[in-house]
């Protein structure tokens, strides 16, 4: 059982590392693309637009990580709280 749990943790860690590597690659590619766009678009407001787009994408990334990285509460904990609230409602 310990061997299986250790293997599972290793696979979970590997999956997290792969996702983090892909995210880093995407961010660096996006940074390069933004730099290229800044070079190509030399309008008076192009730098401001690129900065706003970069800020918006960064904020979206934070929201996505907060949404998907949060650990949901344990199933048994939810059941225990539900049972406790039932007992309190029944007056037991």
C-alpha atoms as a PDB file:
ATOM      1  CA  UNK A   1       0.000   0.000   0.000  1.00  0.00           C
ATOM      2  CA  UNK A   2       2.830   2.406   0.776  1.00  0.00           C
ATOM      3  CA  UNK A   3       4.476   1.540  -2.508  1.00  0.00           C
ATOM      4  CA  UNK A   4       1.276   2.384  -4.437  1.00  0.00           C
ATOM      5  CA  UNK A   5       0.820   5.675  -2.557  1.00  0.00           C
ATOM      6  CA  UNK A   6       4.427   6.640  -3.284  1.00  0.00           C
ATOM      7  CA  UNK A   7       3.971   5.853  -6.959  1.00  0.00           C
ATOM      8  CA  UNK A   8       0.748   7.855  -7.097  1.00  0.00           C
ATOM      9  CA  UNK A   9       2.448  10.856  -5.495  1.00  0.00           C
ATOM     10  CA  UNK A  10       5.255  10.561  -8.048  1.00  0.00           C
ATOM     11  CA  UNK A  11       2.776  10.561 -10.939  1.00  0.00           C
ATOM     12  CA  UNK A  12       0.881  13.513  -9.466  1.00  0.00           C
ATOM     13  CA  UNK A  13       4.127  15.420  -9.027  1.00  0.00           C
ATOM     14  CA  UNK A  14       5.184  14.611 -12.594  1.00  0.00           C
ATOM     15  CA  UNK A  15       1.818  15.815 -13.931  1.00  0.00           C
ATOM     16  CA  UNK A  16       2.121  19.071 -11.997  1.00  0.00           C
ATOM     17  CA  UNK A  17       5.654  19.585 -13.303  1.00  0.00           C
ATOM     18  CA  UNK A  18       4.540  18.959 -16.904  1.00  0.00           C
ATOM     19  CA  UNK A  19       1.680  21.434 -16.585  1.00  0.00           C
ATOM     20  CA  UNK A  20       3.953  24.024 -14.993  1.00  0.00           C
ATOM     21  CA  UNK A  21       6.476  23.550 -17.814  1.00  0.00           C
ATOM     22  CA  UNK A  22       3.773  24.003 -20.441  1.00  0.00           C
ATOM     23  CA  UNK A  23       2.500  27.110 -18.672  1.00  0.00           C
ATOM     24  CA  UNK A  24       6.029  28.541 -18.521  1.00  0.00           C
ATOM     25  CA  UNK A  25       6.503  27.852 -22.232  1.00  0.00           C
ATOM     26  CA  UNK A  26       3.191  29.549 -23.028  1.00  0.00           C
ATOM     27  CA  UNK A  27       4.078  32.592 -20.918  1.00  0.00           C
ATOM     28  CA  UNK A  28       7.514  32.953 -22.492  1.00  0.00           C
ATOM     29  CA  UNK A  29       6.026  32.577 -25.974  1.00  0.00           C
ATOM     30  CA  UNK A  30       3.406  35.167 -25.122  1.00  0.00           C
ATOM     31  CA  UNK A  31       6.117  37.498 -23.834  1.00  0.00           C
ATOM     32  CA  UNK A  32       8.027  37.124 -27.093  1.00  0.00           C
ATOM     33  CA  UNK A  33       4.865  37.728 -29.094  1.00  0.00           C
ATOM     34  CA  UNK A  34       4.070  40.855 -27.103  1.00  0.00           C
ATOM     35  CA  UNK A  35       7.617  42.106 -27.655  1.00  0.00           C
ATOM     36  CA  UNK A  36       7.300  41.487 -31.394  1.00  0.00           C
ATOM     37  CA  UNK A  37       3.954  43.260 -31.518  1.00  0.00           C
ATOM     38  CA  UNK A  38       5.442  46.231 -29.704  1.00  0.00           C
ATOM     39  CA  UNK A  39       8.179  46.376 -32.318  1.00  0.00           C
ATOM     40  CA  UNK A  40       5.772  46.112 -35.238  1.00  0.00           C
ATOM     41  CA  UNK A  41       3.111  48.460 -34.012  1.00  0.00           C
ATOM     42  CA  UNK A  42       4.820  51.770 -33.342  1.00  0.00           C
ATOM     43  CA  UNK A  43       1.637  53.734 -32.986  1.00  0.00           C
ATOM     44  CA  UNK A  44       1.339  56.181 -30.138  1.00  0.00           C
ATOM     45  CA  UNK A  45      -0.960  53.916 -28.115  1.00  0.00           C
ATOM     46  CA  UNK A  46       0.341  50.497 -29.166  1.00  0.00           C
ATOM     47  CA  UNK A  47       2.667  50.120 -26.170  1.00  0.00           C
ATOM     48  CA  UNK A  48      -0.190  50.972 -23.819  1.00  0.00           C
ATOM     49  CA  UNK A  49      -2.505  48.465 -25.534  1.00  0.00           C
ATOM     50  CA  UNK A  50       0.130  45.739 -25.336  1.00  0.00           C
ATOM     51  CA  UNK A  51       0.715  46.472 -21.644  1.00  0.00           C
ATOM     52  CA  UNK A  52      -3.020  46.311 -20.962  1.00  0.00           C
ATOM     53  CA  UNK A  53      -3.304  43.008 -22.834  1.00  0.00           C
ATOM     54  CA  UNK A  54      -0.381  41.594 -20.882  1.00  0.00           C
ATOM     55  CA  UNK A  55      -1.918  42.717 -17.573  1.00  0.00           C
ATOM     56  CA  UNK A  56      -5.291  41.253 -18.514  1.00  0.00           C
ATOM     57  CA  UNK A  57      -3.781  37.908 -19.496  1.00  0.00           C
ATOM     58  CA  UNK A  58      -1.760  37.812 -16.280  1.00  0.00           C
ATOM     59  CA  UNK A  59      -4.918  38.469 -14.259  1.00  0.00           C
ATOM     60  CA  UNK A  60      -6.764  35.731 -16.177  1.00  0.00           C
ATOM     61  CA  UNK A  61      -3.922  33.342 -15.453  1.00  0.00           C
ATOM     62  CA  UNK A  62      -4.090  34.096 -11.738  1.00  0.00           C
ATOM     63  CA  UNK A  63      -7.843  33.531 -11.727  1.00  0.00           C
ATOM     64  CA  UNK A  64      -7.472  30.233 -13.596  1.00  0.00           C
ATOM     65  CA  UNK A  65      -4.821  29.003 -11.162  1.00  0.00           C
ATOM     66  CA  UNK A  66      -6.914  30.048  -8.172  1.00  0.00           C
ATOM     67  CA  UNK A  67      -9.932  28.253  -9.614  1.00  0.00           C
ATOM     68  CA  UNK A  68      -8.213  24.993 -10.504  1.00  0.00           C
ATOM     69  CA  UNK A  69      -5.425  24.839  -7.929  1.00  0.00           C
ATOM     70  CA  UNK A  70      -7.742  25.114  -4.925  1.00  0.00           C
ATOM     71  CA  UNK A  71      -8.168  21.815  -3.111  1.00  0.00           C
ATOM     72  CA  UNK A  72     -11.818  20.894  -2.623  1.00  0.00           C
ATOM     73  CA  UNK A  73     -12.903  19.950   0.902  1.00  0.00           C
ATOM     74  CA  UNK A  74     -12.645  16.301   1.851  1.00  0.00           C
ATOM     75  CA  UNK A  75     -15.734  14.209   1.177  1.00  0.00           C
ATOM     76  CA  UNK A  76     -15.904  12.798   4.702  1.00  0.00           C
ATOM     77  CA  UNK A  77     -15.532  16.292   6.156  1.00  0.00           C
ATOM     78  CA  UNK A  78     -18.570  17.434   4.166  1.00  0.00           C
ATOM     79  CA  UNK A  79     -20.566  14.422   5.371  1.00  0.00           C
ATOM     80  CA  UNK A  80     -19.557  15.045   8.984  1.00  0.00           C
ATOM     81  CA  UNK A  81     -20.622  18.699   8.797  1.00  0.00           C
ATOM     82  CA  UNK A  82     -23.921  17.705   7.202  1.00  0.00           C
ATOM     83  CA  UNK A  83     -24.586  15.142   9.960  1.00  0.00           C
ATOM     84  CA  UNK A  84     -23.657  17.701  12.618  1.00  0.00           C
ATOM     85  CA  UNK A  85     -26.047  20.274  11.196  1.00  0.00           C
ATOM     86  CA  UNK A  86     -28.809  17.662  11.047  1.00  0.00           C
ATOM     87  CA  UNK A  87     -28.261  16.777  14.717  1.00  0.00           C
ATOM     88  CA  UNK A  88     -28.387  20.446  15.633  1.00  0.00           C
ATOM     89  CA  UNK A  89     -31.586  20.942  13.620  1.00  0.00           C
ATOM     90  CA  UNK A  90     -33.235  17.880  15.218  1.00  0.00           C
ATOM     91  CA  UNK A  91     -32.206  19.019  18.701  1.00  0.00           C
ATOM     92  CA  UNK A  92     -30.288  15.851  19.532  1.00  0.00           C
END
